[in-house]
Amino acid sequence: TVFPLLCILLLFLSVEAQTCSPSGKIKGKTPPPGQCNQENDSDCCKDGKWYTTYKCSPPVSSQTKATLTLNSFEPDGDGGAPSECDNQYHSDDDPVVALSTGWYNNGKRCLNYINIHGNGRSMRAKVVDECDSTMGCDLDHDYQPPCPNNIVDASKAVWKALGVPESNWGEMDIYWSDTD
């Protein structure tokens, strides 16, 4: 009777191993004055606070659960540097997103479209950037903490297309999938 229970436990652990575990931590430092853009309620790193990093994201399916966040991809926006995929800035009126490191997949989703389902609506957005889950709290990342591993960081156009009232922009549970 112990053997079947052991098999069930091993099966549970192997399924659990397919999820995404943290890869490490980084220690925050207070940004130099004026160096952390808090547009769209972006967080700035705090001195001495430890932030979890990830090299992976949860597995992608036809309905991948994620958190939609708000980001500006424009010059001087809270997104920081030009987008990774094309070294360009993008208008907040364009439906574009950045994906957490694991989903960004070393740029394999660059300039492809994903389907986003939220607030009872669906829309398509172009992947233009990575929301870095492996690093943060430095100049390259606008002194913001590492991105969680389950983020679709979206322009204002995405939030508008999903019909979310502007007063509710910030974070929302969604599902996403690759387009066919």
N, C-alpha and C. Protein backbone atom coordinates (compact mmCIF):
# COMPACT_ATOMS: atom_id res chain seq x y z
N THR A 1 0.82 -1.21 0.00
CA THR A 1 0.00 0.00 0.00
C THR A 1 0.86 1.27 0.00
N VAL A 2 2.10 1.17 0.38
CA VAL A 2 2.98 2.33 0.38
C VAL A 2 3.38 2.68 -1.06
N PHE A 3 3.59 1.66 -1.90
CA PHE A 3 4.05 1.89 -3.27
C PHE A 3 3.10 2.79 -4.08
N PRO A 4 1.77 2.54 -4.09
CA PRO A 4 0.88 3.44 -4.84
C PRO A 4 0.93 4.88 -4.33
N LEU A 5 1.02 5.04 -3.02
CA LEU A 5 1.11 6.41 -2.48
C LEU A 5 2.41 7.07 -2.90
N LEU A 6 3.50 6.31 -2.92
CA LEU A 6 4.78 6.85 -3.37
C LEU A 6 4.71 7.25 -4.84
N CYS A 7 4.05 6.44 -5.66
CA CYS A 7 3.89 6.77 -7.08
C CYS A 7 3.09 8.05 -7.27
N ILE A 8 2.02 8.19 -6.49
CA ILE A 8 1.19 9.40 -6.58
C ILE A 8 2.01 10.63 -6.16
N LEU A 9 2.79 10.48 -5.08
CA LEU A 9 3.62 11.58 -4.62
C LEU A 9 4.65 11.97 -5.69
N LEU A 10 5.30 10.99 -6.30
CA LEU A 10 6.29 11.27 -7.35
C LEU A 10 5.64 11.93 -8.56
N LEU A 11 4.44 11.48 -8.93
CA LEU A 11 3.73 12.08 -10.04
C LEU A 11 3.42 13.54 -9.72
N PHE A 12 2.94 13.81 -8.50
CA PHE A 12 2.64 15.17 -8.09
C PHE A 12 3.90 16.04 -8.16
N LEU A 13 5.02 15.51 -7.67
CA LEU A 13 6.26 16.27 -7.68
C LEU A 13 6.74 16.54 -9.09
N SER A 14 6.56 15.59 -10.01
CA SER A 14 7.01 15.82 -11.39
C SER A 14 6.13 16.86 -12.07
N VAL A 15 4.83 16.86 -11.78
CA VAL A 15 3.95 17.89 -12.33
C VAL A 15 4.33 19.24 -11.73
N GLU A 16 4.60 19.25 -10.43
CA GLU A 16 5.00 20.48 -9.76
C GLU A 16 6.30 21.02 -10.34
N ALA A 17 7.22 20.14 -10.73
CA ALA A 17 8.50 20.56 -11.28
C ALA A 17 8.34 21.24 -12.64
N GLN A 18 7.21 21.00 -13.31
CA GLN A 18 6.99 21.62 -14.61
C GLN A 18 6.54 23.08 -14.47
N THR A 19 6.20 23.50 -13.26
CA THR A 19 5.88 24.89 -13.04
C THR A 19 7.21 25.65 -12.99
N CYS A 20 7.16 26.90 -12.66
CA CYS A 20 8.37 27.72 -12.73
C CYS A 20 8.81 28.16 -11.35
N SER A 21 9.98 27.73 -10.94
CA SER A 21 10.52 28.08 -9.63
C SER A 21 11.45 29.28 -9.74
N PRO A 22 11.59 30.05 -8.65
CA PRO A 22 12.51 31.18 -8.67
C PRO A 22 13.93 30.73 -8.99
N SER A 23 14.69 31.62 -9.65
CA SER A 23 16.08 31.29 -10.00
C SER A 23 17.07 31.99 -9.07
N GLY A 24 16.60 32.97 -8.31
CA GLY A 24 17.50 33.68 -7.40
C GLY A 24 16.85 34.92 -6.82
N LYS A 25 17.69 35.77 -6.26
CA LYS A 25 17.23 37.03 -5.68
C LYS A 25 18.27 38.11 -5.98
N ILE A 26 17.80 39.35 -6.07
CA ILE A 26 18.72 40.47 -6.15
C ILE A 26 18.36 41.47 -5.06
N LYS A 27 19.36 42.19 -4.58
CA LYS A 27 19.16 43.15 -3.51
C LYS A 27 18.95 44.54 -4.12
N GLY A 28 17.88 45.20 -3.70
CA GLY A 28 17.55 46.51 -4.23
C GLY A 28 18.46 47.60 -3.69
N LYS A 29 18.60 48.66 -4.51
CA LYS A 29 19.31 49.85 -4.10
C LYS A 29 18.40 51.04 -4.42
N THR A 30 18.49 52.07 -3.62
CA THR A 30 17.71 53.26 -3.87
C THR A 30 18.20 53.90 -5.17
N PRO A 31 17.27 54.22 -6.10
CA PRO A 31 17.68 54.84 -7.35
C PRO A 31 18.26 56.23 -7.13
N PRO A 32 19.19 56.65 -7.99
CA PRO A 32 19.65 58.04 -7.93
C PRO A 32 18.46 58.98 -8.16
N PRO A 33 18.51 60.20 -7.64
CA PRO A 33 17.39 61.13 -7.80
C PRO A 33 16.97 61.27 -9.27
N GLY A 34 15.66 61.16 -9.51
CA GLY A 34 15.11 61.32 -10.86
C GLY A 34 15.36 60.16 -11.81
N GLN A 35 15.86 59.03 -11.30
CA GLN A 35 16.24 57.92 -12.17
C GLN A 35 15.22 56.80 -12.25
N CYS A 36 14.11 56.87 -11.56
CA CYS A 36 13.10 55.82 -11.65
C CYS A 36 11.78 56.45 -12.07
N ASN A 37 11.35 56.17 -13.30
CA ASN A 37 10.12 56.74 -13.85
C ASN A 37 8.93 55.99 -13.25
N GLN A 38 8.08 56.70 -12.51
CA GLN A 38 6.94 56.05 -11.85
C GLN A 38 5.64 56.23 -12.62
N GLU A 39 5.75 56.56 -13.93
CA GLU A 39 4.57 56.61 -14.77
C GLU A 39 3.84 55.27 -14.68
N ASN A 40 2.52 55.29 -14.76
CA ASN A 40 1.71 54.07 -14.69
C ASN A 40 1.91 53.31 -13.39
N ASP A 41 2.21 54.04 -12.31
CA ASP A 41 2.39 53.45 -10.97
C ASP A 41 3.50 52.41 -10.91
N SER A 42 4.54 52.58 -11.73
CA SER A 42 5.67 51.65 -11.69
C SER A 42 6.37 51.71 -10.34
N ASP A 43 6.83 50.56 -9.85
CA ASP A 43 7.55 50.48 -8.59
C ASP A 43 9.01 50.83 -8.81
N CYS A 44 9.61 51.45 -7.82
CA CYS A 44 11.05 51.69 -7.81
C CYS A 44 11.66 50.76 -6.77
N CYS A 45 12.88 50.29 -7.02
CA CYS A 45 13.54 49.41 -6.07
C CYS A 45 13.78 50.13 -4.75
N LYS A 46 13.72 49.36 -3.68
CA LYS A 46 13.93 49.90 -2.35
C LYS A 46 15.24 49.33 -1.79
N ASP A 47 16.01 50.21 -1.17
CA ASP A 47 17.31 49.85 -0.64
C ASP A 47 17.20 48.70 0.36
N GLY A 48 17.97 47.64 0.12
CA GLY A 48 18.03 46.51 1.04
C GLY A 48 16.93 45.47 0.87
N LYS A 49 15.89 45.78 0.07
CA LYS A 49 14.82 44.79 -0.14
C LYS A 49 15.30 43.74 -1.14
N TRP A 50 14.93 42.49 -0.90
CA TRP A 50 15.31 41.41 -1.80
C TRP A 50 14.18 41.15 -2.78
N TYR A 51 14.53 41.01 -4.06
CA TYR A 51 13.56 40.78 -5.13
C TYR A 51 13.84 39.43 -5.79
N THR A 52 12.78 38.66 -5.99
CA THR A 52 12.89 37.33 -6.59
C THR A 52 13.07 37.44 -8.10
N THR A 53 13.95 36.61 -8.65
CA THR A 53 14.17 36.56 -10.09
C THR A 53 13.73 35.20 -10.65
N TYR A 54 13.41 35.18 -11.94
CA TYR A 54 12.97 33.96 -12.63
C TYR A 54 13.63 33.90 -14.01
N LYS A 55 14.05 32.71 -14.42
CA LYS A 55 14.52 32.50 -15.79
C LYS A 55 13.43 31.85 -16.63
N CYS A 56 12.31 31.50 -16.00
CA CYS A 56 11.24 30.78 -16.68
C CYS A 56 9.90 31.45 -16.40
N SER A 57 8.89 31.03 -17.13
CA SER A 57 7.51 31.44 -16.91
C SER A 57 6.66 30.19 -16.88
N PRO A 58 5.43 30.27 -16.36
CA PRO A 58 4.56 29.08 -16.38
C PRO A 58 4.37 28.56 -17.81
N PRO A 59 4.06 27.27 -17.96
CA PRO A 59 3.89 26.69 -19.31
C PRO A 59 2.80 27.43 -20.11
N VAL A 60 3.04 27.56 -21.41
CA VAL A 60 2.09 28.21 -22.31
C VAL A 60 1.09 27.18 -22.80
N SER A 61 -0.20 27.57 -22.80
CA SER A 61 -1.26 26.69 -23.29
C SER A 61 -2.18 27.52 -24.18
N SER A 62 -3.32 26.96 -24.53
CA SER A 62 -4.29 27.71 -25.34
C SER A 62 -5.00 28.76 -24.48
N GLN A 63 -4.85 28.67 -23.17
CA GLN A 63 -5.39 29.67 -22.24
C GLN A 63 -4.41 29.84 -21.09
N THR A 64 -3.35 30.59 -21.34
CA THR A 64 -2.32 30.80 -20.34
C THR A 64 -2.74 31.94 -19.42
N LYS A 65 -2.86 31.65 -18.14
CA LYS A 65 -3.24 32.67 -17.17
C LYS A 65 -2.07 33.62 -16.95
N ALA A 66 -2.37 34.92 -16.88
CA ALA A 66 -1.33 35.93 -16.69
C ALA A 66 -1.91 37.14 -15.98
N THR A 67 -1.02 38.05 -15.61
CA THR A 67 -1.43 39.34 -15.08
C THR A 67 -1.10 40.39 -16.13
N LEU A 68 -2.10 41.15 -16.54
CA LEU A 68 -1.91 42.25 -17.47
C LEU A 68 -1.50 43.47 -16.67
N THR A 69 -0.42 44.13 -17.08
CA THR A 69 0.02 45.36 -16.43
C THR A 69 0.12 46.45 -17.49
N LEU A 70 0.28 47.67 -17.05
CA LEU A 70 0.30 48.84 -17.92
C LEU A 70 1.73 49.34 -18.10
N ASN A 71 2.11 49.62 -19.34
CA ASN A 71 3.46 50.07 -19.64
C ASN A 71 3.42 51.07 -20.79
N SER A 72 4.33 52.01 -20.76
CA SER A 72 4.50 52.91 -21.90
C SER A 72 5.73 52.49 -22.68
N PHE A 73 5.58 52.38 -23.98
CA PHE A 73 6.67 51.99 -24.87
C PHE A 73 7.22 53.21 -25.62
N GLU A 74 6.83 54.41 -25.19
CA GLU A 74 7.24 55.65 -25.85
C GLU A 74 8.56 56.16 -25.27
N PRO A 75 9.25 57.07 -26.01
CA PRO A 75 10.46 57.69 -25.44
C PRO A 75 10.09 58.39 -24.13
N ASP A 76 10.94 58.30 -23.14
CA ASP A 76 10.72 58.89 -21.82
C ASP A 76 9.58 58.23 -21.05
N GLY A 77 9.04 57.11 -21.54
CA GLY A 77 8.00 56.37 -20.82
C GLY A 77 8.63 55.48 -19.78
N ASP A 78 7.78 54.84 -18.97
CA ASP A 78 8.29 53.99 -17.89
C ASP A 78 8.88 52.68 -18.40
N GLY A 79 8.74 52.41 -19.70
CA GLY A 79 9.34 51.20 -20.28
C GLY A 79 10.85 51.30 -20.40
N GLY A 80 11.38 52.52 -20.30
CA GLY A 80 12.83 52.70 -20.35
C GLY A 80 13.35 52.78 -21.76
N ALA A 81 14.19 51.84 -22.14
CA ALA A 81 14.89 51.85 -23.43
C ALA A 81 13.97 51.44 -24.58
N PRO A 82 14.44 51.59 -25.81
CA PRO A 82 13.65 51.10 -26.95
C PRO A 82 13.36 49.60 -26.80
N SER A 83 12.33 49.13 -27.48
CA SER A 83 11.92 47.72 -27.39
C SER A 83 13.02 46.80 -27.88
N GLU A 84 13.15 45.64 -27.21
CA GLU A 84 14.18 44.66 -27.54
C GLU A 84 14.04 44.10 -28.96
N CYS A 85 12.81 43.88 -29.40
CA CYS A 85 12.59 43.17 -30.66
C CYS A 85 13.05 43.95 -31.89
N ASP A 86 12.87 45.27 -31.86
CA ASP A 86 13.17 46.06 -33.07
C ASP A 86 13.95 47.33 -32.78
N ASN A 87 14.41 47.49 -31.52
CA ASN A 87 15.17 48.67 -31.12
C ASN A 87 14.43 49.97 -31.42
N GLN A 88 13.10 49.92 -31.35
CA GLN A 88 12.25 51.08 -31.64
C GLN A 88 11.38 51.39 -30.42
N TYR A 89 10.93 52.63 -30.35
CA TYR A 89 9.87 52.98 -29.41
C TYR A 89 8.55 52.76 -30.14
N HIS A 90 7.47 52.60 -29.38
CA HIS A 90 6.15 52.37 -29.96
C HIS A 90 5.14 53.29 -29.29
N SER A 91 4.20 53.78 -30.07
CA SER A 91 3.16 54.64 -29.56
C SER A 91 2.27 53.88 -28.58
N ASP A 92 1.82 54.58 -27.53
CA ASP A 92 0.89 53.98 -26.58
C ASP A 92 -0.46 53.70 -27.24
N ASP A 93 -0.67 54.24 -28.45
CA ASP A 93 -1.90 53.99 -29.21
C ASP A 93 -1.82 52.71 -30.03
N ASP A 94 -0.64 52.08 -30.06
CA ASP A 94 -0.47 50.81 -30.77
C ASP A 94 -0.63 49.66 -29.77
N PRO A 95 -1.34 48.59 -30.15
CA PRO A 95 -1.50 47.45 -29.23
C PRO A 95 -0.25 46.58 -29.20
N VAL A 96 0.66 46.93 -28.28
CA VAL A 96 1.93 46.21 -28.14
C VAL A 96 2.11 45.75 -26.70
N VAL A 97 2.91 44.69 -26.54
CA VAL A 97 3.16 44.12 -25.21
C VAL A 97 4.61 43.70 -25.04
N ALA A 98 4.99 43.60 -23.78
CA ALA A 98 6.24 42.95 -23.37
C ALA A 98 5.85 41.73 -22.55
N LEU A 99 6.55 40.63 -22.76
CA LEU A 99 6.27 39.39 -22.03
C LEU A 99 7.37 39.09 -21.03
N SER A 100 7.00 38.48 -19.90
CA SER A 100 7.99 38.01 -18.93
C SER A 100 9.04 37.15 -19.63
N THR A 101 10.23 37.11 -19.06
CA THR A 101 11.40 36.47 -19.68
C THR A 101 11.12 35.09 -20.27
N GLY A 102 10.50 34.20 -19.50
CA GLY A 102 10.26 32.83 -20.00
C GLY A 102 9.36 32.82 -21.22
N TRP A 103 8.30 33.62 -21.22
CA TRP A 103 7.37 33.68 -22.35
C TRP A 103 8.00 34.41 -23.53
N TYR A 104 8.85 35.39 -23.26
CA TYR A 104 9.57 36.11 -24.32
C TYR A 104 10.46 35.13 -25.09
N ASN A 105 10.98 34.16 -24.36
CA ASN A 105 11.66 33.01 -24.96
C ASN A 105 12.82 33.43 -25.87
N ASN A 106 13.73 34.23 -25.33
CA ASN A 106 14.91 34.69 -26.08
C ASN A 106 14.53 35.35 -27.40
N GLY A 107 13.40 36.02 -27.42
CA GLY A 107 12.99 36.75 -28.63
C GLY A 107 12.23 35.93 -29.65
N LYS A 108 11.94 34.67 -29.34
CA LYS A 108 11.25 33.82 -30.32
C LYS A 108 9.83 34.29 -30.62
N ARG A 109 9.23 35.09 -29.73
CA ARG A 109 7.88 35.63 -29.99
C ARG A 109 7.94 37.05 -30.55
N CYS A 110 9.14 37.57 -30.75
CA CYS A 110 9.31 38.94 -31.24
C CYS A 110 8.50 39.19 -32.51
N LEU A 111 7.77 40.31 -32.48
CA LEU A 111 6.98 40.81 -33.60
C LEU A 111 5.87 39.87 -34.04
N ASN A 112 5.63 38.81 -33.26
CA ASN A 112 4.46 37.95 -33.47
C ASN A 112 3.30 38.52 -32.65
N TYR A 113 2.10 38.10 -33.00
CA TYR A 113 0.92 38.54 -32.27
C TYR A 113 0.48 37.47 -31.28
N ILE A 114 -0.09 37.95 -30.18
CA ILE A 114 -0.72 37.04 -29.22
C ILE A 114 -2.18 37.46 -29.07
N ASN A 115 -3.03 36.51 -28.69
CA ASN A 115 -4.42 36.79 -28.36
C ASN A 115 -4.50 37.05 -26.87
N ILE A 116 -5.22 38.09 -26.50
CA ILE A 116 -5.41 38.42 -25.08
C ILE A 116 -6.91 38.41 -24.80
N HIS A 117 -7.29 37.68 -23.75
CA HIS A 117 -8.70 37.57 -23.34
C HIS A 117 -8.83 38.13 -21.93
N GLY A 118 -9.65 39.17 -21.78
CA GLY A 118 -9.86 39.76 -20.47
C GLY A 118 -11.04 40.70 -20.48
N ASN A 119 -11.65 40.89 -19.33
CA ASN A 119 -12.79 41.79 -19.20
C ASN A 119 -13.92 41.43 -20.16
N GLY A 120 -14.04 40.13 -20.48
CA GLY A 120 -15.11 39.68 -21.37
C GLY A 120 -14.86 39.96 -22.84
N ARG A 121 -13.66 40.39 -23.19
CA ARG A 121 -13.31 40.70 -24.58
C ARG A 121 -12.03 40.00 -24.98
N SER A 122 -11.78 39.98 -26.30
CA SER A 122 -10.53 39.44 -26.84
C SER A 122 -9.93 40.45 -27.80
N MET A 123 -8.62 40.42 -27.92
CA MET A 123 -7.93 41.29 -28.88
C MET A 123 -6.56 40.69 -29.18
N ARG A 124 -5.91 41.25 -30.21
CA ARG A 124 -4.56 40.82 -30.60
C ARG A 124 -3.58 41.95 -30.32
N ALA A 125 -2.39 41.58 -29.86
CA ALA A 125 -1.34 42.57 -29.62
C ALA A 125 -0.01 42.00 -30.11
N LYS A 126 0.87 42.91 -30.52
CA LYS A 126 2.18 42.51 -31.04
C LYS A 126 3.21 42.50 -29.90
N VAL A 127 4.00 41.43 -29.84
CA VAL A 127 5.08 41.32 -28.86
C VAL A 127 6.27 42.13 -29.38
N VAL A 128 6.68 43.14 -28.60
CA VAL A 128 7.81 43.98 -29.02
C VAL A 128 8.94 44.01 -28.00
N ASP A 129 8.71 43.44 -26.82
CA ASP A 129 9.73 43.61 -25.78
C ASP A 129 9.65 42.49 -24.74
N GLU A 130 10.69 42.45 -23.92
CA GLU A 130 10.76 41.53 -22.79
C GLU A 130 10.53 42.31 -21.50
N CYS A 131 9.77 41.75 -20.60
CA CYS A 131 9.65 42.28 -19.24
C CYS A 131 10.61 41.41 -18.43
N ASP A 132 11.79 41.92 -18.16
CA ASP A 132 12.90 41.12 -17.64
C ASP A 132 12.62 40.59 -16.23
N SER A 133 12.55 39.27 -16.12
CA SER A 133 12.32 38.60 -14.84
C SER A 133 13.63 38.19 -14.17
N THR A 134 14.76 38.40 -14.87
CA THR A 134 16.04 37.91 -14.37
C THR A 134 16.89 38.99 -13.71
N MET A 135 16.59 40.26 -14.02
CA MET A 135 17.40 41.38 -13.52
C MET A 135 16.52 42.58 -13.23
N GLY A 136 17.08 43.56 -12.54
CA GLY A 136 16.38 44.80 -12.25
C GLY A 136 17.18 45.64 -11.28
N CYS A 137 16.56 46.72 -10.81
CA CYS A 137 17.18 47.61 -9.82
C CYS A 137 18.48 48.23 -10.33
N ASP A 138 18.58 48.46 -11.64
CA ASP A 138 19.75 49.10 -12.20
C ASP A 138 19.32 50.06 -13.32
N LEU A 139 20.26 50.81 -13.85
CA LEU A 139 19.97 51.82 -14.87
C LEU A 139 19.26 51.20 -16.08
N ASP A 140 19.74 50.04 -16.54
CA ASP A 140 19.15 49.38 -17.72
C ASP A 140 17.68 49.04 -17.52
N HIS A 141 17.26 48.87 -16.28
CA HIS A 141 15.87 48.49 -15.97
C HIS A 141 15.14 49.61 -15.24
N ASP A 142 15.62 50.85 -15.45
CA ASP A 142 14.99 52.05 -14.90
C ASP A 142 14.82 51.95 -13.39
N TYR A 143 15.73 51.23 -12.72
CA TYR A 143 15.70 51.06 -11.27
C TYR A 143 14.38 50.48 -10.77
N GLN A 144 13.74 49.68 -11.63
CA GLN A 144 12.52 48.97 -11.25
C GLN A 144 12.88 47.53 -10.90
N PRO A 145 12.08 46.88 -10.03
CA PRO A 145 12.36 45.49 -9.65
C PRO A 145 12.21 44.55 -10.86
N PRO A 146 12.75 43.32 -10.73
CA PRO A 146 12.54 42.34 -11.80
C PRO A 146 11.04 42.11 -12.01
N CYS A 147 10.68 41.80 -13.22
CA CYS A 147 9.29 41.52 -13.57
C CYS A 147 8.90 40.16 -12.98
N PRO A 148 7.69 40.01 -12.44
CA PRO A 148 7.24 38.66 -12.08
C PRO A 148 7.26 37.76 -13.34
N ASN A 149 7.10 36.46 -13.15
CA ASN A 149 7.25 35.52 -14.28
C ASN A 149 5.96 35.30 -15.07
N ASN A 150 4.90 36.05 -14.76
CA ASN A 150 3.60 35.79 -15.40
C ASN A 150 2.95 37.08 -15.91
N ILE A 151 3.77 37.96 -16.49
CA ILE A 151 3.30 39.30 -16.86
C ILE A 151 3.16 39.47 -18.38
N VAL A 152 2.04 40.08 -18.77
CA VAL A 152 1.88 40.64 -20.11
C VAL A 152 1.77 42.14 -19.87
N ASP A 153 2.85 42.86 -20.16
CA ASP A 153 2.97 44.29 -19.90
C ASP A 153 2.48 45.02 -21.15
N ALA A 154 1.37 45.73 -21.05
CA ALA A 154 0.65 46.19 -22.25
C ALA A 154 0.53 47.71 -22.34
N SER A 155 0.48 48.18 -23.59
CA SER A 155 0.26 49.60 -23.87
C SER A 155 -1.17 49.99 -23.53
N LYS A 156 -1.41 51.30 -23.49
CA LYS A 156 -2.76 51.83 -23.23
C LYS A 156 -3.76 51.30 -24.27
N ALA A 157 -3.30 51.11 -25.51
CA ALA A 157 -4.19 50.63 -26.59
C ALA A 157 -4.78 49.27 -26.26
N VAL A 158 -4.01 48.40 -25.61
CA VAL A 158 -4.50 47.07 -25.24
C VAL A 158 -5.60 47.21 -24.19
N TRP A 159 -5.36 48.02 -23.19
CA TRP A 159 -6.37 48.24 -22.13
C TRP A 159 -7.66 48.81 -22.73
N LYS A 160 -7.50 49.76 -23.67
CA LYS A 160 -8.69 50.35 -24.33
C LYS A 160 -9.44 49.29 -25.12
N ALA A 161 -8.71 48.46 -25.88
CA ALA A 161 -9.34 47.43 -26.71
C ALA A 161 -10.10 46.41 -25.86
N LEU A 162 -9.64 46.18 -24.65
CA LEU A 162 -10.32 45.25 -23.74
C LEU A 162 -11.49 45.93 -23.01
N GLY A 163 -11.68 47.22 -23.27
CA GLY A 163 -12.82 47.93 -22.69
C GLY A 163 -12.73 48.17 -21.20
N VAL A 164 -11.51 48.23 -20.69
CA VAL A 164 -11.32 48.46 -19.26
C VAL A 164 -11.37 49.97 -19.00
N PRO A 165 -12.22 50.43 -18.09
CA PRO A 165 -12.25 51.86 -17.77
C PRO A 165 -10.88 52.33 -17.28
N GLU A 166 -10.46 53.50 -17.70
CA GLU A 166 -9.13 54.01 -17.37
C GLU A 166 -8.86 54.01 -15.87
N SER A 167 -9.89 54.22 -15.07
CA SER A 167 -9.73 54.23 -13.61
C SER A 167 -9.34 52.85 -13.07
N ASN A 168 -9.52 51.80 -13.87
CA ASN A 168 -9.18 50.43 -13.44
C ASN A 168 -7.89 49.92 -14.08
N TRP A 169 -7.21 50.75 -14.86
CA TRP A 169 -5.95 50.32 -15.49
C TRP A 169 -4.89 50.12 -14.42
N GLY A 170 -4.04 49.13 -14.63
CA GLY A 170 -2.94 48.86 -13.70
C GLY A 170 -2.59 47.39 -13.67
N GLU A 171 -3.49 46.58 -13.12
CA GLU A 171 -3.31 45.13 -13.09
C GLU A 171 -4.65 44.45 -13.26
N MET A 172 -4.64 43.36 -14.04
CA MET A 172 -5.88 42.60 -14.26
C MET A 172 -5.52 41.17 -14.65
N ASP A 173 -6.28 40.22 -14.15
CA ASP A 173 -6.09 38.82 -14.55
C ASP A 173 -6.61 38.63 -15.97
N ILE A 174 -5.81 37.96 -16.79
CA ILE A 174 -6.19 37.70 -18.19
C ILE A 174 -5.76 36.27 -18.55
N TYR A 175 -6.13 35.87 -19.76
CA TYR A 175 -5.59 34.68 -20.41
C TYR A 175 -5.00 35.14 -21.73
N TRP A 176 -3.92 34.48 -22.17
CA TRP A 176 -3.37 34.80 -23.48
C TRP A 176 -2.97 33.51 -24.18
N SER A 177 -2.79 33.60 -25.48
CA SER A 177 -2.32 32.46 -26.27
C SER A 177 -1.60 33.00 -27.51
N ASP A 178 -0.76 32.15 -28.10
CA ASP A 178 -0.14 32.49 -29.38
C ASP A 178 -1.23 32.51 -30.45
N THR A 179 -1.07 33.37 -31.45
CA THR A 179 -2.02 33.35 -32.57
C THR A 179 -1.63 32.21 -33.51
N ASP A 180 -2.58 31.76 -34.29
CA ASP A 180 -2.31 30.65 -35.22
C ASP A 180 -1.60 31.12 -36.45
